[in-house]
Amino acid sequence: MLQIQPEKEIIVEFIKNEDYKYVRALGAFYLRLTGRPAEVYQYLEPLYNDYRKLRRRLTSGEYGITHMDELVEELLHEDYAFDIALPHLPKRTLLE
């Protein structure tokens, strides 16, 4: 997706897609990598209400179960996700 560089509207539609949880997760990750901090919080915070299970490959090569809200928590608060360094994201309180 980094090579295709889709428009922001397409990424927002990925995030709003409730039928396919992995499309939603891909949109959330891409927005976290490329979006502005205010946009990241605006579009990812509503995903805290999505509790669907996701299968995720761990660094050991095994698969584990996580939930969409846990993934969003990781994207918003951690420095790394999926072994990729994420851009710095200021605290939510600083943006208000």
C-alpha atoms as a PDB file:
ATOM      1  CA  MET A   1       0.000   0.000   0.000  1.00  0.00           C
ATOM      2  CA  LEU A   2       2.922   2.318   0.544  1.00  0.00           C
ATOM      3  CA  GLN A   3       3.768   2.005  -3.147  1.00  0.00           C
ATOM      4  CA  ILE A   4       0.189   2.519  -4.311  1.00  0.00           C
ATOM      5  CA  GLN A   5      -0.334   5.534  -1.998  1.00  0.00           C
ATOM      6  CA  PRO A   6      -4.146   5.468  -1.957  1.00  0.00           C
ATOM      7  CA  GLU A   7      -6.150   8.615  -1.242  1.00  0.00           C
ATOM      8  CA  LYS A   8      -7.147   9.354   2.341  1.00  0.00           C
ATOM      9  CA  GLU A   9     -10.806   8.735   1.473  1.00  0.00           C
ATOM     10  CA  ILE A  10     -10.000   5.174   0.423  1.00  0.00           C
ATOM     11  CA  ILE A  11      -8.173   4.510   3.683  1.00  0.00           C
ATOM     12  CA  VAL A  12     -11.107   5.915   5.641  1.00  0.00           C
ATOM     13  CA  GLU A  13     -13.415   3.526   3.777  1.00  0.00           C
ATOM     14  CA  PHE A  14     -11.084   0.655   4.704  1.00  0.00           C
ATOM     15  CA  ILE A  15     -11.388   1.673   8.357  1.00  0.00           C
ATOM     16  CA  LYS A  16     -15.175   2.053   8.184  1.00  0.00           C
ATOM     17  CA  ASN A  17     -15.571  -1.366   6.553  1.00  0.00           C
ATOM     18  CA  GLU A  18     -17.361  -3.522   9.119  1.00  0.00           C
ATOM     19  CA  ASP A  19     -17.659  -6.638   6.954  1.00  0.00           C
ATOM     20  CA  TYR A  20     -13.966  -7.536   6.713  1.00  0.00           C
ATOM     21  CA  LYS A  21     -11.959  -7.197   9.897  1.00  0.00           C
ATOM     22  CA  TYR A  22      -8.558  -7.594   8.225  1.00  0.00           C
ATOM     23  CA  VAL A  23      -9.306  -4.817   5.734  1.00  0.00           C
ATOM     24  CA  ARG A  24     -10.157  -2.625   8.712  1.00  0.00           C
ATOM     25  CA  ALA A  25      -6.913  -3.592  10.465  1.00  0.00           C
ATOM     26  CA  LEU A  26      -4.900  -2.877   7.304  1.00  0.00           C
ATOM     27  CA  GLY A  27      -6.520   0.555   6.973  1.00  0.00           C
ATOM     28  CA  ALA A  28      -5.824   1.351  10.618  1.00  0.00           C
ATOM     29  CA  PHE A  29      -2.169   0.353  10.302  1.00  0.00           C
ATOM     30  CA  TYR A  30      -1.688   2.310   7.079  1.00  0.00           C
ATOM     31  CA  LEU A  31      -3.329   5.414   8.553  1.00  0.00           C
ATOM     32  CA  ARG A  32      -1.089   5.144  11.614  1.00  0.00           C
ATOM     33  CA  LEU A  33       1.970   5.019   9.345  1.00  0.00           C
ATOM     34  CA  THR A  34       1.006   7.879   7.035  1.00  0.00           C
ATOM     35  CA  GLY A  35      -1.682  10.005   8.714  1.00  0.00           C
ATOM     36  CA  ARG A  36      -1.498  13.204  10.687  1.00  0.00           C
ATOM     37  CA  PRO A  37      -1.842  12.779  14.469  1.00  0.00           C
ATOM     38  CA  ALA A  38      -5.294  14.411  14.669  1.00  0.00           C
ATOM     39  CA  GLU A  39      -6.584  12.175  11.862  1.00  0.00           C
ATOM     40  CA  VAL A  40      -5.089   9.088  13.488  1.00  0.00           C
ATOM     41  CA  TYR A  41      -6.946   9.724  16.736  1.00  0.00           C
ATOM     42  CA  GLN A  42     -10.138  10.761  14.931  1.00  0.00           C
ATOM     43  CA  TYR A  43     -10.419   7.569  12.898  1.00  0.00           C
ATOM     44  CA  LEU A  44      -8.798   4.991  15.170  1.00  0.00           C
ATOM     45  CA  GLU A  45     -10.429   5.789  18.519  1.00  0.00           C
ATOM     46  CA  PRO A  46     -13.894   4.579  17.384  1.00  0.00           C
ATOM     47  CA  LEU A  47     -12.285   1.189  16.689  1.00  0.00           C
ATOM     48  CA  TYR A  48     -11.957   0.670  20.450  1.00  0.00           C
ATOM     49  CA  ASN A  49     -15.582  -0.532  20.227  1.00  0.00           C
ATOM     50  CA  ASP A  50     -14.663  -3.349  17.817  1.00  0.00           C
ATOM     51  CA  TYR A  51     -13.972  -6.522  19.806  1.00  0.00           C
ATOM     52  CA  ARG A  52     -13.596  -9.003  16.942  1.00  0.00           C
ATOM     53  CA  LYS A  53     -10.801 -11.543  17.076  1.00  0.00           C
ATOM     54  CA  LEU A  54      -7.804 -11.305  14.761  1.00  0.00           C
ATOM     55  CA  ARG A  55      -5.264 -14.007  14.067  1.00  0.00           C
ATOM     56  CA  ARG A  56      -1.761 -12.612  14.254  1.00  0.00           C
ATOM     57  CA  ARG A  57       1.576 -14.206  13.486  1.00  0.00           C
ATOM     58  CA  LEU A  58       3.989 -13.832  16.390  1.00  0.00           C
ATOM     59  CA  THR A  59       7.750 -13.369  16.159  1.00  0.00           C
ATOM     60  CA  SER A  60       8.211 -17.026  17.124  1.00  0.00           C
ATOM     61  CA  GLY A  61       6.373 -18.058  13.964  1.00  0.00           C
ATOM     62  CA  GLU A  62       3.275 -19.248  15.797  1.00  0.00           C
ATOM     63  CA  TYR A  63      -0.143 -17.674  15.514  1.00  0.00           C
ATOM     64  CA  GLY A  64      -1.909 -15.940  18.359  1.00  0.00           C
ATOM     65  CA  ILE A  65      -5.307 -14.388  18.878  1.00  0.00           C
ATOM     66  CA  THR A  66      -5.707 -10.685  19.524  1.00  0.00           C
ATOM     67  CA  HIS A  67      -8.695  -8.370  19.309  1.00  0.00           C
ATOM     68  CA  MET A  68      -9.224  -5.283  17.179  1.00  0.00           C
ATOM     69  CA  ASP A  69      -9.370  -3.003  20.226  1.00  0.00           C
ATOM     70  CA  GLU A  70      -6.026  -4.394  21.428  1.00  0.00           C
ATOM     71  CA  LEU A  71      -4.516  -3.720  18.011  1.00  0.00           C
ATOM     72  CA  VAL A  72      -5.761  -0.123  18.103  1.00  0.00           C
ATOM     73  CA  GLU A  73      -4.329   0.280  21.597  1.00  0.00           C
ATOM     74  CA  GLU A  74      -0.973  -0.950  20.306  1.00  0.00           C
ATOM     75  CA  LEU A  75      -1.084   1.365  17.290  1.00  0.00           C
ATOM     76  CA  LEU A  76      -1.876   4.408  19.415  1.00  0.00           C
ATOM     77  CA  HIS A  77       0.496   3.794  22.318  1.00  0.00           C
ATOM     78  CA  GLU A  78       3.440   1.684  21.176  1.00  0.00           C
ATOM     79  CA  ASP A  79       6.523   2.627  19.169  1.00  0.00           C
ATOM     80  CA  TYR A  80       6.498  -0.586  17.122  1.00  0.00           C
ATOM     81  CA  ALA A  81       3.710  -2.581  15.505  1.00  0.00           C
ATOM     82  CA  PHE A  82       4.261  -5.690  13.372  1.00  0.00           C
ATOM     83  CA  ASP A  83       8.033  -5.190  13.815  1.00  0.00           C
ATOM     84  CA  ILE A  84       7.833  -1.809  12.065  1.00  0.00           C
ATOM     85  CA  ALA A  85       8.825   1.415  13.788  1.00  0.00           C
ATOM     86  CA  LEU A  86       5.895   3.813  13.879  1.00  0.00           C
ATOM     87  CA  PRO A  87       6.210   7.607  13.584  1.00  0.00           C
ATOM     88  CA  HIS A  88       6.027   9.514  16.844  1.00  0.00           C
ATOM     89  CA  LEU A  89       2.451  10.254  17.884  1.00  0.00           C
ATOM     90  CA  PRO A  90       1.909  13.056  20.415  1.00  0.00           C
ATOM     91  CA  LYS A  91      -0.402  12.456  23.349  1.00  0.00           C
ATOM     92  CA  ARG A  92      -4.086  13.040  22.743  1.00  0.00           C
ATOM     93  CA  THR A  93      -4.247  15.762  25.415  1.00  0.00           C
ATOM     94  CA  LEU A  94      -1.612  17.825  23.574  1.00  0.00           C
ATOM     95  CA  LEU A  95      -3.714  17.921  20.404  1.00  0.00           C
ATOM     96  CA  GLU A  96      -6.827  19.334  22.081  1.00  0.00           C
END
